[in-house]
Amino acid sequence: MTYIFAFLSLFLASSNKYSLTVEVKNVPNNKGSIYVGLFRQQDKWPEYGKQYKGKVVSAVKGKTIVTFTDLPAGTYALAVYHDENKNNKLDKNVFGVPIEIYGFSNNARATFSAPDFSDADISLTKSMTHSILLK
């Protein structure tokens, strides 16, 4: 009987995992890669490499799709950029202003820095699709 409860607990825990499909829109060309960082509140927002999960996919002109699977319910935020020259970083000018296009969940923007996590956070309580417009 104990084994049945253990199995049911494991099954129920694994069934509370969701997928998050990210539609990255306004991709200008097929050059380079799209970097997508999925962050939790405790991660170092929005520093790529310090995220909870990350994906790098080939850029697809118009709209690039990226899917994260097996995510527990929770609050997340997304940071995305188009690494057009494939140098594995978001290029910036001498003043630190990005020269490659980027975006955040909720299409959040701030004037002189990345938006606050709270401006970009999304609540994942079921499998969903979220669109981000690159600018």
Protein backbone atom coordinates (compact mmCIF):
# COMPACT_ATOMS: atom_id res chain seq x y z
CA MET A 1 0.00 0.00 0.00
CA THR A 2 2.88 2.36 0.77
CA TYR A 3 4.22 1.81 -2.75
CA ILE A 4 0.89 2.88 -4.26
CA PHE A 5 0.91 6.15 -2.32
CA ALA A 6 4.53 6.78 -3.25
CA PHE A 7 3.74 6.16 -6.92
CA LEU A 8 0.68 8.42 -6.81
CA SER A 9 2.68 11.18 -5.14
CA LEU A 10 5.38 10.92 -7.79
CA PHE A 11 2.78 10.92 -10.58
CA LEU A 12 0.95 13.93 -9.18
CA ALA A 13 4.18 15.86 -8.67
CA SER A 14 5.33 15.21 -12.22
CA SER A 15 1.93 16.14 -13.65
CA ASN A 16 2.32 19.67 -12.25
CA LYS A 17 4.93 20.50 -14.86
CA TYR A 18 4.13 22.90 -17.66
CA SER A 19 5.54 24.11 -20.94
CA LEU A 20 6.20 27.70 -21.89
CA THR A 21 6.39 28.45 -25.60
CA VAL A 22 8.04 31.76 -26.44
CA GLU A 23 7.23 33.47 -29.74
CA VAL A 24 10.05 35.87 -30.49
CA LYS A 25 8.61 38.34 -33.00
CA ASN A 26 10.15 41.00 -35.25
CA VAL A 27 13.26 38.93 -36.02
CA PRO A 28 14.71 40.91 -38.97
CA ASN A 29 16.59 38.10 -40.72
CA ASN A 30 17.88 34.51 -40.53
CA LYS A 31 21.37 35.57 -39.44
CA GLY A 32 22.81 34.44 -36.14
CA SER A 33 21.04 33.12 -33.08
CA ILE A 34 18.23 33.98 -30.71
CA TYR A 35 19.16 33.77 -27.03
CA VAL A 36 16.29 33.21 -24.60
CA GLY A 37 16.84 33.32 -20.85
CA LEU A 38 14.18 32.13 -18.43
CA PHE A 39 14.62 33.68 -14.98
CA ARG A 40 13.11 33.16 -11.55
CA GLN A 41 13.03 35.89 -8.91
CA GLN A 42 16.15 34.48 -7.22
CA ASP A 43 18.22 34.38 -10.42
CA LYS A 44 20.48 37.24 -11.51
CA TRP A 45 18.00 39.09 -13.74
CA PRO A 46 18.54 39.63 -16.68
CA GLU A 47 22.13 38.42 -17.04
CA TYR A 48 22.37 35.66 -19.64
CA GLY A 49 24.32 32.78 -18.13
CA LYS A 50 22.79 33.44 -14.70
CA GLN A 51 19.27 32.32 -15.65
CA TYR A 52 17.26 29.33 -14.48
CA LYS A 53 17.12 27.90 -18.01
CA GLY A 54 18.38 29.15 -21.32
CA LYS A 55 18.10 28.24 -24.96
CA VAL A 56 19.98 29.32 -28.05
CA VAL A 57 18.32 28.66 -31.41
CA SER A 58 18.92 29.70 -35.00
CA ALA A 59 17.18 32.94 -35.90
CA VAL A 60 14.13 32.58 -38.13
CA LYS A 61 13.08 35.75 -39.93
CA GLY A 62 9.76 37.09 -38.67
CA LYS A 63 9.10 34.77 -35.75
CA THR A 64 11.35 32.33 -33.89
CA ILE A 65 9.75 29.78 -31.56
CA VAL A 66 11.42 28.45 -28.40
CA THR A 67 9.78 26.04 -25.94
CA PHE A 68 10.74 25.29 -22.35
CA THR A 69 9.26 22.08 -20.93
CA ASP A 70 8.91 20.45 -17.52
CA LEU A 71 8.64 23.77 -15.67
CA PRO A 72 7.09 23.89 -12.22
CA ALA A 73 4.35 26.42 -11.64
CA GLY A 74 5.80 29.74 -10.60
CA THR A 75 6.73 33.27 -11.52
CA TYR A 76 9.24 33.74 -14.32
CA ALA A 77 10.58 36.49 -16.56
CA LEU A 78 12.13 36.21 -20.02
CA ALA A 79 15.02 38.12 -21.58
CA VAL A 80 15.71 37.66 -25.30
CA TYR A 81 18.22 39.02 -27.77
CA HIS A 82 19.21 38.46 -31.39
CA ASP A 83 22.93 37.67 -31.63
CA GLU A 84 23.08 38.49 -35.30
CA ASN A 85 26.87 38.23 -35.63
CA LYS A 86 27.09 35.00 -33.55
CA ASN A 87 29.71 36.27 -31.12
CA ASN A 88 27.74 34.84 -28.15
CA LYS A 89 26.97 38.16 -26.50
CA LEU A 90 24.64 41.15 -26.70
CA ASP A 91 26.77 43.77 -28.42
CA LYS A 92 26.75 47.28 -26.96
CA ASN A 93 28.17 50.62 -28.02
CA VAL A 94 30.82 52.54 -26.04
CA PHE A 95 28.10 53.92 -23.75
CA GLY A 96 26.79 50.44 -22.90
CA VAL A 97 23.64 50.77 -25.01
CA PRO A 98 22.71 47.55 -26.85
CA ILE A 99 23.20 47.67 -30.61
CA GLU A 100 21.55 44.28 -31.19
CA ILE A 101 17.80 44.00 -30.77
CA TYR A 102 16.36 42.54 -27.59
CA GLY A 103 13.13 42.17 -25.64
CA PHE A 104 11.60 41.09 -22.35
CA SER A 105 8.44 39.31 -21.31
CA ASN A 106 5.39 41.58 -21.19
CA ASN A 107 7.38 43.68 -23.70
CA ALA A 108 8.67 45.54 -20.64
CA ARG A 109 11.10 48.39 -21.26
CA ALA A 110 13.08 50.75 -19.07
CA THR A 111 14.85 53.91 -20.13
CA PHE A 112 18.48 53.39 -19.13
CA SER A 113 18.61 49.77 -17.98
CA ALA A 114 16.75 46.50 -18.08
CA PRO A 115 13.23 46.60 -16.64
CA ASP A 116 12.62 45.40 -13.13
CA PHE A 117 11.83 41.70 -12.78
CA SER A 118 8.36 42.64 -11.55
CA ASP A 119 7.64 44.50 -14.81
CA ALA A 120 8.51 41.45 -16.88
CA ASP A 121 7.21 38.65 -14.68
CA ILE A 122 4.65 36.14 -15.88
CA SER A 123 2.77 33.60 -13.81
CA LEU A 124 2.99 30.04 -15.08
CA THR A 125 0.04 28.03 -13.75
CA LYS A 126 -0.62 26.07 -16.95
CA SER A 127 1.12 25.46 -20.25
CA MET A 128 1.09 28.66 -22.26
CA THR A 129 2.51 30.72 -25.12
CA HIS A 130 4.05 34.15 -24.54
CA SER A 131 5.04 36.61 -27.28
CA ILE A 132 7.98 38.99 -27.11
CA LEU A 133 8.59 41.77 -29.62
CA LEU A 134 12.26 42.44 -30.37
CA LYS A 135 13.22 46.11 -30.67
